PDBML (XML) file of the C-alpha atoms, coordinates in Angstrom:
<?xml version="1.0" encoding="UTF-8" ?>
<PDBx:datablock datablockName="MODEL"
   xmlns:PDBx="http://pdbml.pdb.org/schema/pdbx-v50.xsd"
   xmlns:xsi="http://www.w3.org/2001/XMLSchema-instance"
   xsi:schemaLocation="http://pdbml.pdb.org/schema/pdbx-v50.xsd pdbx-v50.xsd">
   <PDBx:atom_siteCategory>
      <PDBx:atom_site id="1">
         <PDBx:B_iso_or_equiv>0.00</PDBx:B_iso_or_equiv>
         <PDBx:Cartn_x>99.271</PDBx:Cartn_x>
         <PDBx:Cartn_y>104.311</PDBx:Cartn_y>
         <PDBx:Cartn_z>108.069</PDBx:Cartn_z>
         <PDBx:auth_asym_id>A</PDBx:auth_asym_id>
         <PDBx:auth_atom_id>CA</PDBx:auth_atom_id>
         <PDBx:auth_comp_id>THR</PDBx:auth_comp_id>
         <PDBx:auth_seq_id>1</PDBx:auth_seq_id>
         <PDBx:group_PDB>ATOM</PDBx:group_PDB>
         <PDBx:label_alt_id xsi:nil="true" />
         <PDBx:label_asym_id>A</PDBx:label_asym_id>
         <PDBx:label_atom_id>CA</PDBx:label_atom_id>
         <PDBx:label_comp_id>THR</PDBx:label_comp_id>
         <PDBx:label_entity_id>1</PDBx:label_entity_id>
         <PDBx:label_seq_id>1</PDBx:label_seq_id>
         <PDBx:occupancy>1.00</PDBx:occupancy>
         <PDBx:pdbx_PDB_model_num>1</PDBx:pdbx_PDB_model_num>
         <PDBx:type_symbol>C</PDBx:type_symbol>
      </PDBx:atom_site>
      <PDBx:atom_site id="2">
         <PDBx:B_iso_or_equiv>0.00</PDBx:B_iso_or_equiv>
         <PDBx:Cartn_x>97.015</PDBx:Cartn_x>
         <PDBx:Cartn_y>105.157</PDBx:Cartn_y>
         <PDBx:Cartn_z>110.530</PDBx:Cartn_z>
         <PDBx:auth_asym_id>A</PDBx:auth_asym_id>
         <PDBx:auth_atom_id>CA</PDBx:auth_atom_id>
         <PDBx:auth_comp_id>LEU</PDBx:auth_comp_id>
         <PDBx:auth_seq_id>2</PDBx:auth_seq_id>
         <PDBx:group_PDB>ATOM</PDBx:group_PDB>
         <PDBx:label_alt_id xsi:nil="true" />
         <PDBx:label_asym_id>A</PDBx:label_asym_id>
         <PDBx:label_atom_id>CA</PDBx:label_atom_id>
         <PDBx:label_comp_id>LEU</PDBx:label_comp_id>
         <PDBx:label_entity_id>1</PDBx:label_entity_id>
         <PDBx:label_seq_id>2</PDBx:label_seq_id>
         <PDBx:occupancy>1.00</PDBx:occupancy>
         <PDBx:pdbx_PDB_model_num>1</PDBx:pdbx_PDB_model_num>
         <PDBx:type_symbol>C</PDBx:type_symbol>
      </PDBx:atom_site>
      <PDBx:atom_site id="3">
         <PDBx:B_iso_or_equiv>0.00</PDBx:B_iso_or_equiv>
         <PDBx:Cartn_x>98.757</PDBx:Cartn_x>
         <PDBx:Cartn_y>103.469</PDBx:Cartn_y>
         <PDBx:Cartn_z>113.369</PDBx:Cartn_z>
         <PDBx:auth_asym_id>A</PDBx:auth_asym_id>
         <PDBx:auth_atom_id>CA</PDBx:auth_atom_id>
         <PDBx:auth_comp_id>GLN</PDBx:auth_comp_id>
         <PDBx:auth_seq_id>3</PDBx:auth_seq_id>
         <PDBx:group_PDB>ATOM</PDBx:group_PDB>
         <PDBx:label_alt_id xsi:nil="true" />
         <PDBx:label_asym_id>A</PDBx:label_asym_id>
         <PDBx:label_atom_id>CA</PDBx:label_atom_id>
         <PDBx:label_comp_id>GLN</PDBx:label_comp_id>
         <PDBx:label_entity_id>1</PDBx:label_entity_id>
         <PDBx:label_seq_id>3</PDBx:label_seq_id>
         <PDBx:occupancy>1.00</PDBx:occupancy>
         <PDBx:pdbx_PDB_model_num>1</PDBx:pdbx_PDB_model_num>
         <PDBx:type_symbol>C</PDBx:type_symbol>
      </PDBx:atom_site>
      <PDBx:atom_site id="4">
         <PDBx:B_iso_or_equiv>0.00</PDBx:B_iso_or_equiv>
         <PDBx:Cartn_x>102.195</PDBx:Cartn_x>
         <PDBx:Cartn_y>101.960</PDBx:Cartn_y>
         <PDBx:Cartn_z>114.333</PDBx:Cartn_z>
         <PDBx:auth_asym_id>A</PDBx:auth_asym_id>
         <PDBx:auth_atom_id>CA</PDBx:auth_atom_id>
         <PDBx:auth_comp_id>ASP</PDBx:auth_comp_id>
         <PDBx:auth_seq_id>4</PDBx:auth_seq_id>
         <PDBx:group_PDB>ATOM</PDBx:group_PDB>
         <PDBx:label_alt_id xsi:nil="true" />
         <PDBx:label_asym_id>A</PDBx:label_asym_id>
         <PDBx:label_atom_id>CA</PDBx:label_atom_id>
         <PDBx:label_comp_id>ASP</PDBx:label_comp_id>
         <PDBx:label_entity_id>1</PDBx:label_entity_id>
         <PDBx:label_seq_id>4</PDBx:label_seq_id>
         <PDBx:occupancy>1.00</PDBx:occupancy>
         <PDBx:pdbx_PDB_model_num>1</PDBx:pdbx_PDB_model_num>
         <PDBx:type_symbol>C</PDBx:type_symbol>
      </PDBx:atom_site>
      <PDBx:atom_site id="5">
         <PDBx:B_iso_or_equiv>0.00</PDBx:B_iso_or_equiv>
         <PDBx:Cartn_x>102.865</PDBx:Cartn_x>
         <PDBx:Cartn_y>98.760</PDBx:Cartn_y>
         <PDBx:Cartn_z>112.508</PDBx:Cartn_z>
         <PDBx:auth_asym_id>A</PDBx:auth_asym_id>
         <PDBx:auth_atom_id>CA</PDBx:auth_atom_id>
         <PDBx:auth_comp_id>VAL</PDBx:auth_comp_id>
         <PDBx:auth_seq_id>5</PDBx:auth_seq_id>
         <PDBx:group_PDB>ATOM</PDBx:group_PDB>
         <PDBx:label_alt_id xsi:nil="true" />
         <PDBx:label_asym_id>A</PDBx:label_asym_id>
         <PDBx:label_atom_id>CA</PDBx:label_atom_id>
         <PDBx:label_comp_id>VAL</PDBx:label_comp_id>
         <PDBx:label_entity_id>1</PDBx:label_entity_id>
         <PDBx:label_seq_id>5</PDBx:label_seq_id>
         <PDBx:occupancy>1.00</PDBx:occupancy>
         <PDBx:pdbx_PDB_model_num>1</PDBx:pdbx_PDB_model_num>
         <PDBx:type_symbol>C</PDBx:type_symbol>
      </PDBx:atom_site>
      <PDBx:atom_site id="6">
         <PDBx:B_iso_or_equiv>0.00</PDBx:B_iso_or_equiv>
         <PDBx:Cartn_x>105.011</PDBx:Cartn_x>
         <PDBx:Cartn_y>96.247</PDBx:Cartn_y>
         <PDBx:Cartn_z>113.929</PDBx:Cartn_z>
         <PDBx:auth_asym_id>A</PDBx:auth_asym_id>
         <PDBx:auth_atom_id>CA</PDBx:auth_atom_id>
         <PDBx:auth_comp_id>PRO</PDBx:auth_comp_id>
         <PDBx:auth_seq_id>6</PDBx:auth_seq_id>
         <PDBx:group_PDB>ATOM</PDBx:group_PDB>
         <PDBx:label_alt_id xsi:nil="true" />
         <PDBx:label_asym_id>A</PDBx:label_asym_id>
         <PDBx:label_atom_id>CA</PDBx:label_atom_id>
         <PDBx:label_comp_id>PRO</PDBx:label_comp_id>
         <PDBx:label_entity_id>1</PDBx:label_entity_id>
         <PDBx:label_seq_id>6</PDBx:label_seq_id>
         <PDBx:occupancy>1.00</PDBx:occupancy>
         <PDBx:pdbx_PDB_model_num>1</PDBx:pdbx_PDB_model_num>
         <PDBx:type_symbol>C</PDBx:type_symbol>
      </PDBx:atom_site>
      <PDBx:atom_site id="7">
         <PDBx:B_iso_or_equiv>0.00</PDBx:B_iso_or_equiv>
         <PDBx:Cartn_x>107.793</PDBx:Cartn_x>
         <PDBx:Cartn_y>94.525</PDBx:Cartn_y>
         <PDBx:Cartn_z>111.607</PDBx:Cartn_z>
         <PDBx:auth_asym_id>A</PDBx:auth_asym_id>
         <PDBx:auth_atom_id>CA</PDBx:auth_atom_id>
         <PDBx:auth_comp_id>ALA</PDBx:auth_comp_id>
         <PDBx:auth_seq_id>7</PDBx:auth_seq_id>
         <PDBx:group_PDB>ATOM</PDBx:group_PDB>
         <PDBx:label_alt_id xsi:nil="true" />
         <PDBx:label_asym_id>A</PDBx:label_asym_id>
         <PDBx:label_atom_id>CA</PDBx:label_atom_id>
         <PDBx:label_comp_id>ALA</PDBx:label_comp_id>
         <PDBx:label_entity_id>1</PDBx:label_entity_id>
         <PDBx:label_seq_id>7</PDBx:label_seq_id>
         <PDBx:occupancy>1.00</PDBx:occupancy>
         <PDBx:pdbx_PDB_model_num>1</PDBx:pdbx_PDB_model_num>
         <PDBx:type_symbol>C</PDBx:type_symbol>
      </PDBx:atom_site>
      <PDBx:atom_site id="8">
         <PDBx:B_iso_or_equiv>0.00</PDBx:B_iso_or_equiv>
         <PDBx:Cartn_x>105.831</PDBx:Cartn_x>
         <PDBx:Cartn_y>91.376</PDBx:Cartn_y>
         <PDBx:Cartn_z>110.022</PDBx:Cartn_z>
         <PDBx:auth_asym_id>A</PDBx:auth_asym_id>
         <PDBx:auth_atom_id>CA</PDBx:auth_atom_id>
         <PDBx:auth_comp_id>GLY</PDBx:auth_comp_id>
         <PDBx:auth_seq_id>8</PDBx:auth_seq_id>
         <PDBx:group_PDB>ATOM</PDBx:group_PDB>
         <PDBx:label_alt_id xsi:nil="true" />
         <PDBx:label_asym_id>A</PDBx:label_asym_id>
         <PDBx:label_atom_id>CA</PDBx:label_atom_id>
         <PDBx:label_comp_id>GLY</PDBx:label_comp_id>
         <PDBx:label_entity_id>1</PDBx:label_entity_id>
         <PDBx:label_seq_id>8</PDBx:label_seq_id>
         <PDBx:occupancy>1.00</PDBx:occupancy>
         <PDBx:pdbx_PDB_model_num>1</PDBx:pdbx_PDB_model_num>
         <PDBx:type_symbol>C</PDBx:type_symbol>
      </PDBx:atom_site>
      <PDBx:atom_site id="9">
         <PDBx:B_iso_or_equiv>0.00</PDBx:B_iso_or_equiv>
         <PDBx:Cartn_x>102.400</PDBx:Cartn_x>
         <PDBx:Cartn_y>92.859</PDBx:Cartn_y>
         <PDBx:Cartn_z>110.581</PDBx:Cartn_z>
         <PDBx:auth_asym_id>A</PDBx:auth_asym_id>
         <PDBx:auth_atom_id>CA</PDBx:auth_atom_id>
         <PDBx:auth_comp_id>HIS</PDBx:auth_comp_id>
         <PDBx:auth_seq_id>9</PDBx:auth_seq_id>
         <PDBx:group_PDB>ATOM</PDBx:group_PDB>
         <PDBx:label_alt_id xsi:nil="true" />
         <PDBx:label_asym_id>A</PDBx:label_asym_id>
         <PDBx:label_atom_id>CA</PDBx:label_atom_id>
         <PDBx:label_comp_id>HIS</PDBx:label_comp_id>
         <PDBx:label_entity_id>1</PDBx:label_entity_id>
         <PDBx:label_seq_id>9</PDBx:label_seq_id>
         <PDBx:occupancy>1.00</PDBx:occupancy>
         <PDBx:pdbx_PDB_model_num>1</PDBx:pdbx_PDB_model_num>
         <PDBx:type_symbol>C</PDBx:type_symbol>
      </PDBx:atom_site>
      <PDBx:atom_site id="10">
         <PDBx:B_iso_or_equiv>0.00</PDBx:B_iso_or_equiv>
         <PDBx:Cartn_x>99.878</PDBx:Cartn_x>
         <PDBx:Cartn_y>93.479</PDBx:Cartn_y>
         <PDBx:Cartn_z>108.200</PDBx:Cartn_z>
         <PDBx:auth_asym_id>A</PDBx:auth_asym_id>
         <PDBx:auth_atom_id>CA</PDBx:auth_atom_id>
         <PDBx:auth_comp_id>LYS</PDBx:auth_comp_id>
         <PDBx:auth_seq_id>10</PDBx:auth_seq_id>
         <PDBx:group_PDB>ATOM</PDBx:group_PDB>
         <PDBx:label_alt_id xsi:nil="true" />
         <PDBx:label_asym_id>A</PDBx:label_asym_id>
         <PDBx:label_atom_id>CA</PDBx:label_atom_id>
         <PDBx:label_comp_id>LYS</PDBx:label_comp_id>
         <PDBx:label_entity_id>1</PDBx:label_entity_id>
         <PDBx:label_seq_id>10</PDBx:label_seq_id>
         <PDBx:occupancy>1.00</PDBx:occupancy>
         <PDBx:pdbx_PDB_model_num>1</PDBx:pdbx_PDB_model_num>
         <PDBx:type_symbol>C</PDBx:type_symbol>
      </PDBx:atom_site>
      <PDBx:atom_site id="11">
         <PDBx:B_iso_or_equiv>0.00</PDBx:B_iso_or_equiv>
         <PDBx:Cartn_x>97.693</PDBx:Cartn_x>
         <PDBx:Cartn_y>97.066</PDBx:Cartn_y>
         <PDBx:Cartn_z>107.120</PDBx:Cartn_z>
         <PDBx:auth_asym_id>A</PDBx:auth_asym_id>
         <PDBx:auth_atom_id>CA</PDBx:auth_atom_id>
         <PDBx:auth_comp_id>ILE</PDBx:auth_comp_id>
         <PDBx:auth_seq_id>11</PDBx:auth_seq_id>
         <PDBx:group_PDB>ATOM</PDBx:group_PDB>
         <PDBx:label_alt_id xsi:nil="true" />
         <PDBx:label_asym_id>A</PDBx:label_asym_id>
         <PDBx:label_atom_id>CA</PDBx:label_atom_id>
         <PDBx:label_comp_id>ILE</PDBx:label_comp_id>
         <PDBx:label_entity_id>1</PDBx:label_entity_id>
         <PDBx:label_seq_id>11</PDBx:label_seq_id>
         <PDBx:occupancy>1.00</PDBx:occupancy>
         <PDBx:pdbx_PDB_model_num>1</PDBx:pdbx_PDB_model_num>
         <PDBx:type_symbol>C</PDBx:type_symbol>
      </PDBx:atom_site>
      <PDBx:atom_site id="12">
         <PDBx:B_iso_or_equiv>0.00</PDBx:B_iso_or_equiv>
         <PDBx:Cartn_x>94.776</PDBx:Cartn_x>
         <PDBx:Cartn_y>97.063</PDBx:Cartn_y>
         <PDBx:Cartn_z>104.749</PDBx:Cartn_z>
         <PDBx:auth_asym_id>A</PDBx:auth_asym_id>
         <PDBx:auth_atom_id>CA</PDBx:auth_atom_id>
         <PDBx:auth_comp_id>ALA</PDBx:auth_comp_id>
         <PDBx:auth_seq_id>12</PDBx:auth_seq_id>
         <PDBx:group_PDB>ATOM</PDBx:group_PDB>
         <PDBx:label_alt_id xsi:nil="true" />
         <PDBx:label_asym_id>A</PDBx:label_asym_id>
         <PDBx:label_atom_id>CA</PDBx:label_atom_id>
         <PDBx:label_comp_id>ALA</PDBx:label_comp_id>
         <PDBx:label_entity_id>1</PDBx:label_entity_id>
         <PDBx:label_seq_id>12</PDBx:label_seq_id>
         <PDBx:occupancy>1.00</PDBx:occupancy>
         <PDBx:pdbx_PDB_model_num>1</PDBx:pdbx_PDB_model_num>
         <PDBx:type_symbol>C</PDBx:type_symbol>
      </PDBx:atom_site>
      <PDBx:atom_site id="13">
         <PDBx:B_iso_or_equiv>0.00</PDBx:B_iso_or_equiv>
         <PDBx:Cartn_x>95.797</PDBx:Cartn_x>
         <PDBx:Cartn_y>97.941</PDBx:Cartn_y>
         <PDBx:Cartn_z>101.289</PDBx:Cartn_z>
         <PDBx:auth_asym_id>A</PDBx:auth_asym_id>
         <PDBx:auth_atom_id>CA</PDBx:auth_atom_id>
         <PDBx:auth_comp_id>ALA</PDBx:auth_comp_id>
         <PDBx:auth_seq_id>13</PDBx:auth_seq_id>
         <PDBx:group_PDB>ATOM</PDBx:group_PDB>
         <PDBx:label_alt_id xsi:nil="true" />
         <PDBx:label_asym_id>A</PDBx:label_asym_id>
         <PDBx:label_atom_id>CA</PDBx:label_atom_id>
         <PDBx:label_comp_id>ALA</PDBx:label_comp_id>
         <PDBx:label_entity_id>1</PDBx:label_entity_id>
         <PDBx:label_seq_id>13</PDBx:label_seq_id>
         <PDBx:occupancy>1.00</PDBx:occupancy>
         <PDBx:pdbx_PDB_model_num>1</PDBx:pdbx_PDB_model_num>
         <PDBx:type_symbol>C</PDBx:type_symbol>
      </PDBx:atom_site>
      <PDBx:atom_site id="14">
         <PDBx:B_iso_or_equiv>0.00</PDBx:B_iso_or_equiv>
         <PDBx:Cartn_x>92.237</PDBx:Cartn_x>
         <PDBx:Cartn_y>99.385</PDBx:Cartn_y>
         <PDBx:Cartn_z>100.408</PDBx:Cartn_z>
         <PDBx:auth_asym_id>A</PDBx:auth_asym_id>
         <PDBx:auth_atom_id>CA</PDBx:auth_atom_id>
         <PDBx:auth_comp_id>ARG</PDBx:auth_comp_id>
         <PDBx:auth_seq_id>14</PDBx:auth_seq_id>
         <PDBx:group_PDB>ATOM</PDBx:group_PDB>
         <PDBx:label_alt_id xsi:nil="true" />
         <PDBx:label_asym_id>A</PDBx:label_asym_id>
         <PDBx:label_atom_id>CA</PDBx:label_atom_id>
         <PDBx:label_comp_id>ARG</PDBx:label_comp_id>
         <PDBx:label_entity_id>1</PDBx:label_entity_id>
         <PDBx:label_seq_id>14</PDBx:label_seq_id>
         <PDBx:occupancy>1.00</PDBx:occupancy>
         <PDBx:pdbx_PDB_model_num>1</PDBx:pdbx_PDB_model_num>
         <PDBx:type_symbol>C</PDBx:type_symbol>
      </PDBx:atom_site>
      <PDBx:atom_site id="15">
         <PDBx:B_iso_or_equiv>0.00</PDBx:B_iso_or_equiv>
         <PDBx:Cartn_x>88.835</PDBx:Cartn_x>
         <PDBx:Cartn_y>99.572</PDBx:Cartn_y>
         <PDBx:Cartn_z>102.210</PDBx:Cartn_z>
         <PDBx:auth_asym_id>A</PDBx:auth_asym_id>
         <PDBx:auth_atom_id>CA</PDBx:auth_atom_id>
         <PDBx:auth_comp_id>PHE</PDBx:auth_comp_id>
         <PDBx:auth_seq_id>15</PDBx:auth_seq_id>
         <PDBx:group_PDB>ATOM</PDBx:group_PDB>
         <PDBx:label_alt_id xsi:nil="true" />
         <PDBx:label_asym_id>A</PDBx:label_asym_id>
         <PDBx:label_atom_id>CA</PDBx:label_atom_id>
         <PDBx:label_comp_id>PHE</PDBx:label_comp_id>
         <PDBx:label_entity_id>1</PDBx:label_entity_id>
         <PDBx:label_seq_id>15</PDBx:label_seq_id>
         <PDBx:occupancy>1.00</PDBx:occupancy>
         <PDBx:pdbx_PDB_model_num>1</PDBx:pdbx_PDB_model_num>
         <PDBx:type_symbol>C</PDBx:type_symbol>
      </PDBx:atom_site>
      <PDBx:atom_site id="16">
         <PDBx:B_iso_or_equiv>0.00</PDBx:B_iso_or_equiv>
         <PDBx:Cartn_x>87.428</PDBx:Cartn_x>
         <PDBx:Cartn_y>95.862</PDBx:Cartn_y>
         <PDBx:Cartn_z>103.495</PDBx:Cartn_z>
         <PDBx:auth_asym_id>A</PDBx:auth_asym_id>
         <PDBx:auth_atom_id>CA</PDBx:auth_atom_id>
         <PDBx:auth_comp_id>ILE</PDBx:auth_comp_id>
         <PDBx:auth_seq_id>16</PDBx:auth_seq_id>
         <PDBx:group_PDB>ATOM</PDBx:group_PDB>
         <PDBx:label_alt_id xsi:nil="true" />
         <PDBx:label_asym_id>A</PDBx:label_asym_id>
         <PDBx:label_atom_id>CA</PDBx:label_atom_id>
         <PDBx:label_comp_id>ILE</PDBx:label_comp_id>
         <PDBx:label_entity_id>1</PDBx:label_entity_id>
         <PDBx:label_seq_id>16</PDBx:label_seq_id>
         <PDBx:occupancy>1.00</PDBx:occupancy>
         <PDBx:pdbx_PDB_model_num>1</PDBx:pdbx_PDB_model_num>
         <PDBx:type_symbol>C</PDBx:type_symbol>
      </PDBx:atom_site>
      <PDBx:atom_site id="17">
         <PDBx:B_iso_or_equiv>0.00</PDBx:B_iso_or_equiv>
         <PDBx:Cartn_x>84.041</PDBx:Cartn_x>
         <PDBx:Cartn_y>96.184</PDBx:Cartn_y>
         <PDBx:Cartn_z>104.633</PDBx:Cartn_z>
         <PDBx:auth_asym_id>A</PDBx:auth_asym_id>
         <PDBx:auth_atom_id>CA</PDBx:auth_atom_id>
         <PDBx:auth_comp_id>ALA</PDBx:auth_comp_id>
         <PDBx:auth_seq_id>17</PDBx:auth_seq_id>
         <PDBx:group_PDB>ATOM</PDBx:group_PDB>
         <PDBx:label_alt_id xsi:nil="true" />
         <PDBx:label_asym_id>A</PDBx:label_asym_id>
         <PDBx:label_atom_id>CA</PDBx:label_atom_id>
         <PDBx:label_comp_id>ALA</PDBx:label_comp_id>
         <PDBx:label_entity_id>1</PDBx:label_entity_id>
         <PDBx:label_seq_id>17</PDBx:label_seq_id>
         <PDBx:occupancy>1.00</PDBx:occupancy>
         <PDBx:pdbx_PDB_model_num>1</PDBx:pdbx_PDB_model_num>
         <PDBx:type_symbol>C</PDBx:type_symbol>
      </PDBx:atom_site>
      <PDBx:atom_site id="18">
         <PDBx:B_iso_or_equiv>0.00</PDBx:B_iso_or_equiv>
         <PDBx:Cartn_x>82.963</PDBx:Cartn_x>
         <PDBx:Cartn_y>93.915</PDBx:Cartn_y>
         <PDBx:Cartn_z>107.708</PDBx:Cartn_z>
         <PDBx:auth_asym_id>A</PDBx:auth_asym_id>
         <PDBx:auth_atom_id>CA</PDBx:auth_atom_id>
         <PDBx:auth_comp_id>LYS</PDBx:auth_comp_id>
         <PDBx:auth_seq_id>18</PDBx:auth_seq_id>
         <PDBx:group_PDB>ATOM</PDBx:group_PDB>
         <PDBx:label_alt_id xsi:nil="true" />
         <PDBx:label_asym_id>A</PDBx:label_asym_id>
         <PDBx:label_atom_id>CA</PDBx:label_atom_id>
         <PDBx:label_comp_id>LYS</PDBx:label_comp_id>
         <PDBx:label_entity_id>1</PDBx:label_entity_id>
         <PDBx:label_seq_id>18</PDBx:label_seq_id>
         <PDBx:occupancy>1.00</PDBx:occupancy>
         <PDBx:pdbx_PDB_model_num>1</PDBx:pdbx_PDB_model_num>
         <PDBx:type_symbol>C</PDBx:type_symbol>
      </PDBx:atom_site>
      <PDBx:atom_site id="19">
         <PDBx:B_iso_or_equiv>0.00</PDBx:B_iso_or_equiv>
         <PDBx:Cartn_x>82.504</PDBx:Cartn_x>
         <PDBx:Cartn_y>90.491</PDBx:Cartn_y>
         <PDBx:Cartn_z>107.074</PDBx:Cartn_z>
         <PDBx:auth_asym_id>A</PDBx:auth_asym_id>
         <PDBx:auth_atom_id>CA</PDBx:auth_atom_id>
         <PDBx:auth_comp_id>GLY</PDBx:auth_comp_id>
         <PDBx:auth_seq_id>19</PDBx:auth_seq_id>
         <PDBx:group_PDB>ATOM</PDBx:group_PDB>
         <PDBx:label_alt_id xsi:nil="true" />
         <PDBx:label_asym_id>A</PDBx:label_asym_id>
         <PDBx:label_atom_id>CA</PDBx:label_atom_id>
         <PDBx:label_comp_id>GLY</PDBx:label_comp_id>
         <PDBx:label_entity_id>1</PDBx:label_entity_id>
         <PDBx:label_seq_id>19</PDBx:label_seq_id>
         <PDBx:occupancy>1.00</PDBx:occupancy>
         <PDBx:pdbx_PDB_model_num>1</PDBx:pdbx_PDB_model_num>
         <PDBx:type_symbol>C</PDBx:type_symbol>
      </PDBx:atom_site>
      <PDBx:atom_site id="20">
         <PDBx:B_iso_or_equiv>0.00</PDBx:B_iso_or_equiv>
         <PDBx:Cartn_x>84.684</PDBx:Cartn_x>
         <PDBx:Cartn_y>90.562</PDBx:Cartn_y>
         <PDBx:Cartn_z>103.957</PDBx:Cartn_z>
         <PDBx:auth_asym_id>A</PDBx:auth_asym_id>
         <PDBx:auth_atom_id>CA</PDBx:auth_atom_id>
         <PDBx:auth_comp_id>GLU</PDBx:auth_comp_id>
         <PDBx:auth_seq_id>20</PDBx:auth_seq_id>
         <PDBx:group_PDB>ATOM</PDBx:group_PDB>
         <PDBx:label_alt_id xsi:nil="true" />
         <PDBx:label_asym_id>A</PDBx:label_asym_id>
         <PDBx:label_atom_id>CA</PDBx:label_atom_id>
         <PDBx:label_comp_id>GLU</PDBx:label_comp_id>
         <PDBx:label_entity_id>1</PDBx:label_entity_id>
         <PDBx:label_seq_id>20</PDBx:label_seq_id>
         <PDBx:occupancy>1.00</PDBx:occupancy>
         <PDBx:pdbx_PDB_model_num>1</PDBx:pdbx_PDB_model_num>
         <PDBx:type_symbol>C</PDBx:type_symbol>
      </PDBx:atom_site>
      <PDBx:atom_site id="21">
         <PDBx:B_iso_or_equiv>0.00</PDBx:B_iso_or_equiv>
         <PDBx:Cartn_x>87.452</PDBx:Cartn_x>
         <PDBx:Cartn_y>88.164</PDBx:Cartn_y>
         <PDBx:Cartn_z>103.679</PDBx:Cartn_z>
         <PDBx:auth_asym_id>A</PDBx:auth_asym_id>
         <PDBx:auth_atom_id>CA</PDBx:auth_atom_id>
         <PDBx:auth_comp_id>ALA</PDBx:auth_comp_id>
         <PDBx:auth_seq_id>21</PDBx:auth_seq_id>
         <PDBx:group_PDB>ATOM</PDBx:group_PDB>
         <PDBx:label_alt_id xsi:nil="true" />
         <PDBx:label_asym_id>A</PDBx:label_asym_id>
         <PDBx:label_atom_id>CA</PDBx:label_atom_id>
         <PDBx:label_comp_id>ALA</PDBx:label_comp_id>
         <PDBx:label_entity_id>1</PDBx:label_entity_id>
         <PDBx:label_seq_id>21</PDBx:label_seq_id>
         <PDBx:occupancy>1.00</PDBx:occupancy>
         <PDBx:pdbx_PDB_model_num>1</PDBx:pdbx_PDB_model_num>
         <PDBx:type_symbol>C</PDBx:type_symbol>
      </PDBx:atom_site>
      <PDBx:atom_site id="22">
         <PDBx:B_iso_or_equiv>0.00</PDBx:B_iso_or_equiv>
         <PDBx:Cartn_x>90.845</PDBx:Cartn_x>
         <PDBx:Cartn_y>89.113</PDBx:Cartn_y>
         <PDBx:Cartn_z>104.346</PDBx:Cartn_z>
         <PDBx:auth_asym_id>A</PDBx:auth_asym_id>
         <PDBx:auth_atom_id>CA</PDBx:auth_atom_id>
         <PDBx:auth_comp_id>VAL</PDBx:auth_comp_id>
         <PDBx:auth_seq_id>22</PDBx:auth_seq_id>
         <PDBx:group_PDB>ATOM</PDBx:group_PDB>
         <PDBx:label_alt_id xsi:nil="true" />
         <PDBx:label_asym_id>A</PDBx:label_asym_id>
         <PDBx:label_atom_id>CA</PDBx:label_atom_id>
         <PDBx:label_comp_id>VAL</PDBx:label_comp_id>
         <PDBx:label_entity_id>1</PDBx:label_entity_id>
         <PDBx:label_seq_id>22</PDBx:label_seq_id>
         <PDBx:occupancy>1.00</PDBx:occupancy>
         <PDBx:pdbx_PDB_model_num>1</PDBx:pdbx_PDB_model_num>
         <PDBx:type_symbol>C</PDBx:type_symbol>
      </PDBx:atom_site>
      <PDBx:atom_site id="23">
         <PDBx:B_iso_or_equiv>0.00</PDBx:B_iso_or_equiv>
         <PDBx:Cartn_x>93.295</PDBx:Cartn_x>
         <PDBx:Cartn_y>87.843</PDBx:Cartn_y>
         <PDBx:Cartn_z>101.454</PDBx:Cartn_z>
         <PDBx:auth_asym_id>A</PDBx:auth_asym_id>
         <PDBx:auth_atom_id>CA</PDBx:auth_atom_id>
         <PDBx:auth_comp_id>ARG</PDBx:auth_comp_id>
         <PDBx:auth_seq_id>23</PDBx:auth_seq_id>
         <PDBx:group_PDB>ATOM</PDBx:group_PDB>
         <PDBx:label_alt_id xsi:nil="true" />
         <PDBx:label_asym_id>A</PDBx:label_asym_id>
         <PDBx:label_atom_id>CA</PDBx:label_atom_id>
         <PDBx:label_comp_id>ARG</PDBx:label_comp_id>
         <PDBx:label_entity_id>1</PDBx:label_entity_id>
         <PDBx:label_seq_id>23</PDBx:label_seq_id>
         <PDBx:occupancy>1.00</PDBx:occupancy>
         <PDBx:pdbx_PDB_model_num>1</PDBx:pdbx_PDB_model_num>
         <PDBx:type_symbol>C</PDBx:type_symbol>
      </PDBx:atom_site>
      <PDBx:atom_site id="24">
         <PDBx:B_iso_or_equiv>0.00</PDBx:B_iso_or_equiv>
         <PDBx:Cartn_x>97.142</PDBx:Cartn_x>
         <PDBx:Cartn_y>87.170</PDBx:Cartn_y>
         <PDBx:Cartn_z>102.036</PDBx:Cartn_z>
         <PDBx:auth_asym_id>A</PDBx:auth_asym_id>
         <PDBx:auth_atom_id>CA</PDBx:auth_atom_id>
         <PDBx:auth_comp_id>LYS</PDBx:auth_comp_id>
         <PDBx:auth_seq_id>24</PDBx:auth_seq_id>
         <PDBx:group_PDB>ATOM</PDBx:group_PDB>
         <PDBx:label_alt_id xsi:nil="true" />
         <PDBx:label_asym_id>A</PDBx:label_asym_id>
         <PDBx:label_atom_id>CA</PDBx:label_atom_id>
         <PDBx:label_comp_id>LYS</PDBx:label_comp_id>
         <PDBx:label_entity_id>1</PDBx:label_entity_id>
         <PDBx:label_seq_id>24</PDBx:label_seq_id>
         <PDBx:occupancy>1.00</PDBx:occupancy>
         <PDBx:pdbx_PDB_model_num>1</PDBx:pdbx_PDB_model_num>
         <PDBx:type_symbol>C</PDBx:type_symbol>
      </PDBx:atom_site>
      <PDBx:atom_site id="25">
         <PDBx:B_iso_or_equiv>0.00</PDBx:B_iso_or_equiv>
         <PDBx:Cartn_x>99.081</PDBx:Cartn_x>
         <PDBx:Cartn_y>85.303</PDBx:Cartn_y>
         <PDBx:Cartn_z>99.146</PDBx:Cartn_z>
         <PDBx:auth_asym_id>A</PDBx:auth_asym_id>
         <PDBx:auth_atom_id>CA</PDBx:auth_atom_id>
         <PDBx:auth_comp_id>TYR</PDBx:auth_comp_id>
         <PDBx:auth_seq_id>25</PDBx:auth_seq_id>
         <PDBx:group_PDB>ATOM</PDBx:group_PDB>
         <PDBx:label_alt_id xsi:nil="true" />
         <PDBx:label_asym_id>A</PDBx:label_asym_id>
         <PDBx:label_atom_id>CA</PDBx:label_atom_id>
         <PDBx:label_comp_id>TYR</PDBx:label_comp_id>
         <PDBx:label_entity_id>1</PDBx:label_entity_id>
         <PDBx:label_seq_id>25</PDBx:label_seq_id>
         <PDBx:occupancy>1.00</PDBx:occupancy>
         <PDBx:pdbx_PDB_model_num>1</PDBx:pdbx_PDB_model_num>
         <PDBx:type_symbol>C</PDBx:type_symbol>
      </PDBx:atom_site>
   </PDBx:atom_siteCategory>
</PDBx:datablock>
């Protein structure tokens, strides 16, 4: 983790390029 992450929040699991879709479920 690169920053503190509150409970229920998300982190990038891999590199995500600018403009790329963010996918959950």
